[in-house]
PDB file of N, CA and C in Angstrom:
ATOM      1  N   MET A   1     146.542  56.376  82.795  1.00  0.00           N
ATOM      2  CA  MET A   1     147.797  56.594  82.100  1.00  0.00           C
ATOM      3  C   MET A   1     148.753  55.447  82.391  1.00  0.00           C
ATOM      4  N   THR A   2     149.727  55.320  81.518  1.00  0.00           N
ATOM      5  CA  THR A   2     150.751  54.310  81.720  1.00  0.00           C
ATOM      6  C   THR A   2     152.111  54.980  81.866  1.00  0.00           C
ATOM      7  N   LEU A   3     153.031  54.251  82.396  1.00  0.00           N
ATOM      8  CA  LEU A   3     154.378  54.763  82.614  1.00  0.00           C
ATOM      9  C   LEU A   3     155.102  54.874  81.282  1.00  0.00           C
ATOM     10  N   ALA A   4     155.732  56.015  81.058  1.00  0.00           N
ATOM     11  CA  ALA A   4     156.497  56.255  79.834  1.00  0.00           C
ATOM     12  C   ALA A   4     157.851  56.850  80.217  1.00  0.00           C
ATOM     13  N   PHE A   5     158.791  56.748  79.298  1.00  0.00           N
ATOM     14  CA  PHE A   5     160.144  57.243  79.537  1.00  0.00           C
ATOM     15  C   PHE A   5     160.567  58.161  78.383  1.00  0.00           C
ATOM     16  N   PRO A   6     159.925  59.346  78.293  1.00  0.00           N
ATOM     17  CA  PRO A   6     160.217  60.241  77.172  1.00  0.00           C
ATOM     18  C   PRO A   6     161.575  60.935  77.278  1.00  0.00           C
ATOM     19  N   ASN A   7     162.144  60.990  78.464  1.00  0.00           N
ATOM     20  CA  ASN A   7     163.419  61.661  78.670  1.00  0.00           C
ATOM     21  C   ASN A   7     164.514  60.607  78.841  1.00  0.00           C
ATOM     22  N   PRO A   8     165.466  60.526  77.905  1.00  0.00           N
ATOM     23  CA  PRO A   8     166.491  59.480  77.985  1.00  0.00           C
ATOM     24  C   PRO A   8     167.630  59.773  78.967  1.00  0.00           C
ATOM     25  N   SER A   9     167.571  60.892  79.686  1.00  0.00           N
ATOM     26  CA  SER A   9     168.677  61.224  80.584  1.00  0.00           C
ATOM     27  C   SER A   9     168.749  60.233  81.741  1.00  0.00           C
ATOM     28  N   ARG A  10     169.955  60.062  82.226  1.00  0.00           N
ATOM     29  CA  ARG A  10     170.237  59.206  83.372  1.00  0.00           C
ATOM     30  C   ARG A  10     171.501  59.730  84.010  1.00  0.00           C
ATOM     31  N   SER A  11     171.719  59.430  85.273  1.00  0.00           N
ATOM     32  CA  SER A  11     172.917  59.909  85.952  1.00  0.00           C
ATOM     33  C   SER A  11     173.430  58.855  86.923  1.00  0.00           C
ATOM     34  N   PHE A  12     174.739  58.814  87.048  1.00  0.00           N
ATOM     35  CA  PHE A  12     175.393  57.866  87.937  1.00  0.00           C
ATOM     36  C   PHE A  12     175.581  58.518  89.302  1.00  0.00           C
ATOM     37  N   ASP A  13     175.267  57.785  90.354  1.00  0.00           N
ATOM     38  CA  ASP A  13     175.482  58.256  91.721  1.00  0.00           C
ATOM     39  C   ASP A  13     176.573  57.387  92.333  1.00  0.00           C
ATOM     40  N   GLN A  14     177.761  57.960  92.454  1.00  0.00           N
ATOM     41  CA  GLN A  14     178.895  57.203  92.966  1.00  0.00           C
ATOM     42  C   GLN A  14     178.705  56.832  94.433  1.00  0.00           C
ATOM     43  N   GLU A  15     178.100  57.724  95.200  1.00  0.00           N
ATOM     44  CA  GLU A  15     177.899  57.466  96.626  1.00  0.00           C
ATOM     45  C   GLU A  15     176.956  56.291  96.864  1.00  0.00           C
ATOM     46  N   ARG A  16     175.863  56.238  96.105  1.00  0.00           N
ATOM     47  CA  ARG A  16     174.899  55.136  96.247  1.00  0.00           C
ATOM     48  C   ARG A  16     175.225  53.973  95.327  1.00  0.00           C
ATOM     49  N   ASN A  17     176.140  54.186  94.379  1.00  0.00           N
ATOM     50  CA  ASN A  17     176.603  53.155  93.457  1.00  0.00           C
ATOM     51  C   ASN A  17     175.470  52.605  92.589  1.00  0.00           C
ATOM     52  N   GLY A  18     174.953  53.489  91.750  1.00  0.00           N
ATOM     53  CA  GLY A  18     173.894  53.090  90.840  1.00  0.00           C
ATOM     54  C   GLY A  18     173.509  54.236  89.919  1.00  0.00           C
ATOM     55  N   VAL A  19     172.437  54.027  89.176  1.00  0.00           N
ATOM     56  CA  VAL A  19     172.015  54.979  88.148  1.00  0.00           C
ATOM     57  C   VAL A  19     170.582  55.435  88.412  1.00  0.00           C
ATOM     58  N   TYR A  20     170.382  56.740  88.345  1.00  0.00           N
ATOM     59  CA  TYR A  20     169.051  57.339  88.440  1.00  0.00           C
ATOM     60  C   TYR A  20     168.487  57.568  87.048  1.00  0.00           C
ATOM     61  N   PHE A  21     167.163  57.401  86.910  1.00  0.00           N
ATOM     62  CA  PHE A  21     166.467  57.760  85.682  1.00  0.00           C
ATOM     63  C   PHE A  21     165.025  58.090  86.033  1.00  0.00           C
ATOM     64  N   ILE A  22     164.330  58.709  85.108  1.00  0.00           N
ATOM     65  CA  ILE A  22     162.998  59.252  85.374  1.00  0.00           C
ATOM     66  C   ILE A  22     161.974  58.649  84.419  1.00  0.00           C
ATOM     67  N   GLY A  23     160.802  58.350  84.948  1.00  0.00           N
ATOM     68  CA  GLY A  23     159.650  57.954  84.140  1.00  0.00           C
ATOM     69  C   GLY A  23     158.534  58.953  84.368  1.00  0.00           C
ATOM     70  N   HIS A  24     157.514  58.888  83.528  1.00  0.00           N
ATOM     71  CA  HIS A  24     156.375  59.793  83.679  1.00  0.00           C
ATOM     72  C   HIS A  24     155.075  59.007  83.543  1.00  0.00           C
ATOM     73  N   ASP A  25     154.157  59.300  84.438  1.00  0.00           N
ATOM     74  CA  ASP A  25     152.795  58.783  84.363  1.00  0.00           C
ATOM     75  C   ASP A  25     151.916  60.016  84.225  1.00  0.00           C
ATOM     76  N   GLY A  26     151.590  60.345  82.985  1.00  0.00           N
ATOM     77  CA  GLY A  26     150.891  61.600  82.728  1.00  0.00           C
ATOM     78  C   GLY A  26     151.785  62.751  83.122  1.00  0.00           C
ATOM     79  N   MET A  27     151.275  63.613  83.992  1.00  0.00           N
ATOM     80  CA  MET A  27     152.071  64.755  84.426  1.00  0.00           C
ATOM     81  C   MET A  27     152.920  64.455  85.661  1.00  0.00           C
ATOM     82  N   PHE A  28     152.829  63.244  86.196  1.00  0.00           N
ATOM     83  CA  PHE A  28     153.578  62.877  87.391  1.00  0.00           C
ATOM     84  C   PHE A  28     154.942  62.301  87.040  1.00  0.00           C
ATOM     85  N   GLN A  29     155.968  62.804  87.706  1.00  0.00           N
ATOM     86  CA  GLN A  29     157.334  62.331  87.508  1.00  0.00           C
ATOM     87  C   GLN A  29     157.608  61.212  88.501  1.00  0.00           C
ATOM     88  N   ILE A  30     158.121  60.087  88.003  1.00  0.00           N
ATOM     89  CA  ILE A  30     158.428  58.929  88.834  1.00  0.00           C
ATOM     90  C   ILE A  30     159.940  58.710  88.786  1.00  0.00           C
ATOM     91  N   ARG A  31     160.585  58.729  89.943  1.00  0.00           N
ATOM     92  CA  ARG A  31     162.037  58.580  90.016  1.00  0.00           C
ATOM     93  C   ARG A  31     162.412  57.117  90.242  1.00  0.00           C
ATOM     94  N   PHE A  32     163.422  56.679  89.513  1.00  0.00           N
ATOM     95  CA  PHE A  32     163.938  55.320  89.656  1.00  0.00           C
ATOM     96  C   PHE A  32     165.435  55.366  89.909  1.00  0.00           C
ATOM     97  N   PHE A  33     165.899  54.397  90.694  1.00  0.00           N
ATOM     98  CA  PHE A  33     167.319  54.194  90.943  1.00  0.00           C
ATOM     99  C   PHE A  33     167.570  52.711  90.740  1.00  0.00           C
ATOM    100  N   ILE A  34     168.552  52.368  89.909  1.00  0.00           N
ATOM    101  CA  ILE A  34     168.910  50.960  89.729  1.00  0.00           C
ATOM    102  C   ILE A  34     170.286  50.742  90.334  1.00  0.00           C
ATOM    103  N   GLU A  35     170.363  49.795  91.241  1.00  0.00           N
ATOM    104  CA  GLU A  35     171.624  49.495  91.918  1.00  0.00           C
ATOM    105  C   GLU A  35     172.628  48.913  90.940  1.00  0.00           C
ATOM    106  N   ALA A  36     173.908  49.213  91.173  1.00  0.00           N
ATOM    107  CA  ALA A  36     174.976  48.717  90.313  1.00  0.00           C
ATOM    108  C   ALA A  36     174.973  47.192  90.238  1.00  0.00           C
ATOM    109  N   GLU A  37     174.635  46.547  91.334  1.00  0.00           N
ATOM    110  CA  GLU A  37     174.587  45.076  91.355  1.00  0.00           C
ATOM    111  C   GLU A  37     173.585  44.545  90.327  1.00  0.00           C
ATOM    112  N   ALA A  38     172.470  45.232  90.170  1.00  0.00           N
ATOM    113  CA  ALA A  38     171.476  44.809  89.178  1.00  0.00           C
ATOM    114  C   ALA A  38     172.028  44.967  87.768  1.00  0.00           C
ATOM    115  N   LEU A  39     172.772  46.025  87.526  1.00  0.00           N
ATOM    116  CA  LEU A  39     173.399  46.191  86.208  1.00  0.00           C
ATOM    117  C   LEU A  39     174.458  45.120  85.984  1.00  0.00           C
ATOM    118  N   ALA A  40     175.238  44.816  87.012  1.00  0.00           N
ATOM    119  CA  ALA A  40     176.291  43.815  86.890  1.00  0.00           C
ATOM    120  C   ALA A  40     175.717  42.439  86.572  1.00  0.00           C
ATOM    121  N   ARG A  41     174.617  42.111  87.186  1.00  0.00           N
ATOM    122  CA  ARG A  41     173.997  40.812  86.933  1.00  0.00           C
ATOM    123  C   ARG A  41     173.358  40.739  85.560  1.00  0.00           C
ATOM    124  N   ASN A  42     173.178  41.885  84.941  1.00  0.00           N
ATOM    125  CA  ASN A  42     172.564  41.923  83.621  1.00  0.00           C
ATOM    126  C   ASN A  42     173.565  42.182  82.517  1.00  0.00           C
ATOM    127  N   GLY A  43     174.847  41.944  82.779  1.00  0.00           N
ATOM    128  CA  GLY A  43     175.817  41.956  81.705  1.00  0.00           C
ATOM    129  C   GLY A  43     176.812  43.082  81.652  1.00  0.00           C
ATOM    130  N   ILE A  44     176.982  43.850  82.718  1.00  0.00           N
ATOM    131  CA  ILE A  44     177.974  44.917  82.675  1.00  0.00           C
ATOM    132  C   ILE A  44     179.376  44.337  82.630  1.00  0.00           C
ATOM    133  N   VAL A  45     180.216  44.941  81.825  1.00  0.00           N
ATOM    134  CA  VAL A  45     181.617  44.553  81.746  1.00  0.00           C
ATOM    135  C   VAL A  45     182.430  45.819  81.958  1.00  0.00           C
ATOM    136  N   LEU A  46     183.193  45.852  83.040  1.00  0.00           N
ATOM    137  CA  LEU A  46     184.029  47.010  83.301  1.00  0.00           C
ATOM    138  C   LEU A  46     185.328  46.879  82.527  1.00  0.00           C
ATOM    139  N   GLY A  47     185.595  47.832  81.661  1.00  0.00           N
ATOM    140  CA  GLY A  47     186.842  47.827  80.914  1.00  0.00           C
ATOM    141  C   GLY A  47     187.960  48.405  81.747  1.00  0.00           C
ATOM    142  N   ALA A  48     189.171  48.017  81.463  1.00  0.00           N
ATOM    143  CA  ALA A  48     190.313  48.499  82.225  1.00  0.00           C
ATOM    144  C   ALA A  48     190.491  50.002  82.075  1.00  0.00           C
ATOM    145  N   LYS A  49     190.160  50.545  80.929  1.00  0.00           N
ATOM    146  CA  LYS A  49     190.361  51.976  80.688  1.00  0.00           C
ATOM    147  C   LYS A  49     189.114  52.803  80.971  1.00  0.00           C
ATOM    148  N   ALA A  50     187.988  52.177  81.074  1.00  0.00           N
ATOM    149  CA  ALA A  50     186.738  52.913  81.285  1.00  0.00           C
ATOM    150  C   ALA A  50     186.563  53.244  82.761  1.00  0.00           C
ATOM    151  N   SER A  51     186.055  54.422  83.030  1.00  0.00           N
ATOM    152  CA  SER A  51     185.738  54.759  84.411  1.00  0.00           C
ATOM    153  C   SER A  51     184.522  53.949  84.835  1.00  0.00           C
ATOM    154  N   VAL A  52     184.345  53.817  86.115  1.00  0.00           N
ATOM    155  CA  VAL A  52     183.190  53.090  86.633  1.00  0.00           C
ATOM    156  C   VAL A  52     181.910  53.777  86.172  1.00  0.00           C
ATOM    157  N   GLU A  53     181.872  55.104  86.249  1.00  0.00           N
ATOM    158  CA  GLU A  53     180.693  55.847  85.816  1.00  0.00           C
ATOM    159  C   GLU A  53     180.367  55.570  84.358  1.00  0.00           C
ATOM    160  N   THR A  54     181.365  55.650  83.502  1.00  0.00           N
ATOM    161  CA  THR A  54     181.152  55.403  82.072  1.00  0.00           C
ATOM    162  C   THR A  54     180.673  53.980  81.833  1.00  0.00           C
ATOM    163  N   ALA A  55     181.243  53.024  82.543  1.00  0.00           N
ATOM    164  CA  ALA A  55     180.863  51.623  82.369  1.00  0.00           C
ATOM    165  C   ALA A  55     179.410  51.391  82.778  1.00  0.00           C
ATOM    166  N   TYR A  56     179.003  51.933  83.914  1.00  0.00           N
ATOM    167  CA  TYR A  56     177.626  51.723  84.369  1.00  0.00           C
ATOM    168  C   TYR A  56     176.619  52.446  83.490  1.00  0.00           C
ATOM    169  N   LEU A  57     176.945  53.652  83.065  1.00  0.00           N
ATOM    170  CA  LEU A  57     176.030  54.370  82.179  1.00  0.00           C
ATOM    171  C   LEU A  57     175.910  53.671  80.832  1.00  0.00           C
ATOM    172  N   SER A  58     177.009  53.130  80.336  1.00  0.00           N
ATOM    173  CA  SER A  58     176.967  52.367  79.078  1.00  0.00           C
ATOM    174  C   SER A  58     176.142  51.098  79.240  1.00  0.00           C
ATOM    175  N   ALA A  59     176.314  50.426  80.385  1.00  0.00           N
ATOM    176  CA  ALA A  59     175.521  49.222  80.656  1.00  0.00           C
ATOM    177  C   ALA A  59     174.042  49.580  80.732  1.00  0.00           C
ATOM    178  N   PHE A  60     173.729  50.674  81.402  1.00  0.00           N
ATOM    179  CA  PHE A  60     172.336  51.117  81.489  1.00  0.00           C
ATOM    180  C   PHE A  60     171.783  51.364  80.089  1.00  0.00           C
ATOM    181  N   ASP A  61     172.543  52.073  79.264  1.00  0.00           N
ATOM    182  CA  ASP A  61     172.081  52.376  77.909  1.00  0.00           C
ATOM    183  C   ASP A  61     171.832  51.095  77.107  1.00  0.00           C
ATOM    184  N   GLY A  62     172.710  50.122  77.258  1.00  0.00           N
ATOM    185  CA  GLY A  62     172.547  48.865  76.534  1.00  0.00           C
ATOM    186  C   GLY A  62     171.363  48.039  77.003  1.00  0.00           C
ATOM    187  N   LEU A  63     171.000  48.222  78.260  1.00  0.00           N
ATOM    188  CA  LEU A  63     169.908  47.449  78.855  1.00  0.00           C
ATOM    189  C   LEU A  63     168.649  48.281  79.056  1.00  0.00           C
ATOM    190  N   ARG A  64     168.631  49.488  78.508  1.00  0.00           N
ATOM    191  CA  ARG A  64     167.550  50.443  78.767  1.00  0.00           C
ATOM    192  C   ARG A  64     166.156  49.846  78.568  1.00  0.00           C
ATOM    193  N   THR A  65     165.940  49.133  77.486  1.00  0.00           N
ATOM    194  CA  THR A  65     164.608  48.586  77.202  1.00  0.00           C
ATOM    195  C   THR A  65     164.165  47.618  78.293  1.00  0.00           C
ATOM    196  N   SER A  66     165.028  46.694  78.671  1.00  0.00           N
ATOM    197  CA  SER A  66     164.636  45.725  79.708  1.00  0.00           C
ATOM    198  C   SER A  66     164.515  46.398  81.074  1.00  0.00           C
ATOM    199  N   ILE A  67     165.359  47.390  81.357  1.00  0.00           N
ATOM    200  CA  ILE A  67     165.259  48.117  82.619  1.00  0.00           C
ATOM    201  C   ILE A  67     163.927  48.853  82.689  1.00  0.00           C
ATOM    202  N   GLN A  68     163.531  49.497  81.604  1.00  0.00           N
ATOM    203  CA  GLN A  68     162.266  50.216  81.586  1.00  0.00           C
ATOM    204  C   GLN A  68     161.074  49.265  81.688  1.00  0.00           C
ATOM    205  N   GLN A  69     161.179  48.085  81.116  1.00  0.00           N
ATOM    206  CA  GLN A  69     160.102  47.102  81.249  1.00  0.00           C
ATOM    207  C   GLN A  69     159.952  46.662  82.701  1.00  0.00           C
ATOM    208  N   VAL A  70     161.065  46.389  83.366  1.00  0.00           N
ATOM    209  CA  VAL A  70     161.018  46.000  84.778  1.00  0.00           C
ATOM    210  C   VAL A  70     160.482  47.161  85.615  1.00  0.00           C
ATOM    211  N   ALA A  71     160.932  48.368  85.332  1.00  0.00           N
ATOM    212  CA  ALA A  71     160.443  49.543  86.059  1.00  0.00           C
ATOM    213  C   ALA A  71     158.929  49.671  85.911  1.00  0.00           C
ATOM    214  N   GLY A  72     158.429  49.432  84.713  1.00  0.00           N
ATOM    215  CA  GLY A  72     156.991  49.496  84.483  1.00  0.00           C
ATOM    216  C   GLY A  72     156.224  48.451  85.277  1.00  0.00           C
ATOM    217  N   LYS A  73     156.757  47.237  85.371  1.00  0.00           N
ATOM    218  CA  LYS A  73     156.106  46.174  86.139  1.00  0.00           C
ATOM    219  C   LYS A  73     156.109  46.492  87.630  1.00  0.00           C
ATOM    220  N   VAL A  74     157.237  46.990  88.123  1.00  0.00           N
ATOM    221  CA  VAL A  74     157.330  47.352  89.543  1.00  0.00           C
ATOM    222  C   VAL A  74     156.361  48.484  89.855  1.00  0.00           C
ATOM    223  N   TYR A  75     156.292  49.462  88.978  1.00  0.00           N
ATOM    224  CA  TYR A  75     155.394  50.601  89.166  1.00  0.00           C
ATOM    225  C   TYR A  75     153.926  50.162  89.147  1.00  0.00           C
ATOM    226  N   ALA A  76     153.581  49.238  88.265  1.00  0.00           N
ATOM    227  CA  ALA A  76     152.192  48.784  88.148  1.00  0.00           C
ATOM    228  C   ALA A  76     151.723  48.052  89.408  1.00  0.00           C
ATOM    229  N   ARG A  77     152.632  47.384  90.109  1.00  0.00           N
ATOM    230  CA  ARG A  77     152.266  46.647  91.327  1.00  0.00           C
ATOM    231  C   ARG A  77     151.921  47.575  92.482  1.00  0.00           C
ATOM    232  N   ASN A  78     152.608  48.702  92.556  1.00  0.00           N
ATOM    233  CA  ASN A  78     152.428  49.597  93.700  1.00  0.00           C
ATOM    234  C   ASN A  78     152.865  50.995  93.278  1.00  0.00           C
ATOM    235  N   ARG A  79     151.933  51.828  92.921  1.00  0.00           N
ATOM    236  CA  ARG A  79     152.255  53.157  92.384  1.00  0.00           C
ATOM    237  C   ARG A  79     152.724  54.102  93.482  1.00  0.00           C
ATOM    238  N   ARG A  80     153.988  54.503  93.340  1.00  0.00           N
ATOM    239  CA  ARG A  80     154.603  55.485  94.236  1.00  0.00           C
ATOM    240  C   ARG A  80     155.351  56.490  93.376  1.00  0.00           C
ATOM    241  N   ASP A  81     156.074  57.405  94.019  1.00  0.00           N
ATOM    242  CA  ASP A  81     156.804  58.397  93.239  1.00  0.00           C
ATOM    243  C   ASP A  81     158.295  58.108  93.115  1.00  0.00           C
ATOM    244  N   SER A  82     158.782  57.055  93.797  1.00  0.00           N
ATOM    245  CA  SER A  82     160.195  56.682  93.650  1.00  0.00           C
ATOM    246  C   SER A  82     160.378  55.204  93.955  1.00  0.00           C
ATOM    247  N   TYR A  83     161.384  54.629  93.303  1.00  0.00           N
ATOM    248  CA  TYR A  83     161.663  53.191  93.416  1.00  0.00           C
ATOM    249  C   TYR A  83     163.168  52.944  93.365  1.00  0.00           C
ATOM    250  N   THR A  84     163.598  51.888  94.022  1.00  0.00           N
ATOM    251  CA  THR A  84     164.952  51.372  93.877  1.00  0.00           C
ATOM    252  C   THR A  84     164.829  49.985  93.262  1.00  0.00           C
ATOM    253  N   LEU A  85     165.430  49.816  92.093  1.00  0.00           N
ATOM    254  CA  LEU A  85     165.429  48.513  91.435  1.00  0.00           C
ATOM    255  C   LEU A  85     166.679  47.746  91.848  1.00  0.00           C
ATOM    256  N   THR A  86     166.479  46.508  92.261  1.00  0.00           N
ATOM    257  CA  THR A  86     167.582  45.658  92.695  1.00  0.00           C
ATOM    258  C   THR A  86     167.708  44.466  91.752  1.00  0.00           C
ATOM    259  N   ALA A  87     168.742  43.675  91.939  1.00  0.00           N
ATOM    260  CA  ALA A  87     168.939  42.483  91.111  1.00  0.00           C
ATOM    261  C   ALA A  87     167.740  41.553  91.211  1.00  0.00           C
ATOM    262  N   ALA A  88     167.088  41.487  92.362  1.00  0.00           N
ATOM    263  CA  ALA A  88     165.930  40.621  92.555  1.00  0.00           C
ATOM    264  C   ALA A  88     164.772  40.991  91.618  1.00  0.00           C
ATOM    265  N   ASP A  89     164.669  42.242  91.239  1.00  0.00           N
ATOM    266  CA  ASP A  89     163.596  42.673  90.344  1.00  0.00           C
ATOM    267  C   ASP A  89     163.778  42.130  88.926  1.00  0.00           C
ATOM    268  N   PHE A  90     164.972  41.657  88.595  1.00  0.00           N
ATOM    269  CA  PHE A  90     165.268  41.197  87.240  1.00  0.00           C
ATOM    270  C   PHE A  90     165.263  39.676  87.118  1.00  0.00           C
ATOM    271  N   ARG A  91     164.771  38.994  88.117  1.00  0.00           N
ATOM    272  CA  ARG A  91     164.695  37.517  88.060  1.00  0.00           C
ATOM    273  C   ARG A  91     163.421  37.077  87.434  1.00  0.00           C
TER     274      ARG A  91
END
């Protein structure tokens, strides 16, 4: 099986400062967390009126395809049930 992202839900974690999202490899759920720094390096723009949560979730949505591609590459190298994606993963 290959990694797929059938569920578009994502959530912001203010304490860890990043976004969680889920992938699936067959019946197995794979958890991902992308650090805010990785989103910032990939084009996030915080608006003066937007909350930090809204800004990061919007950035995630705009970059979803590339984030999922990187998540798939990281998962293919070493299959586990959870990952933290950092800015280094996007180089």
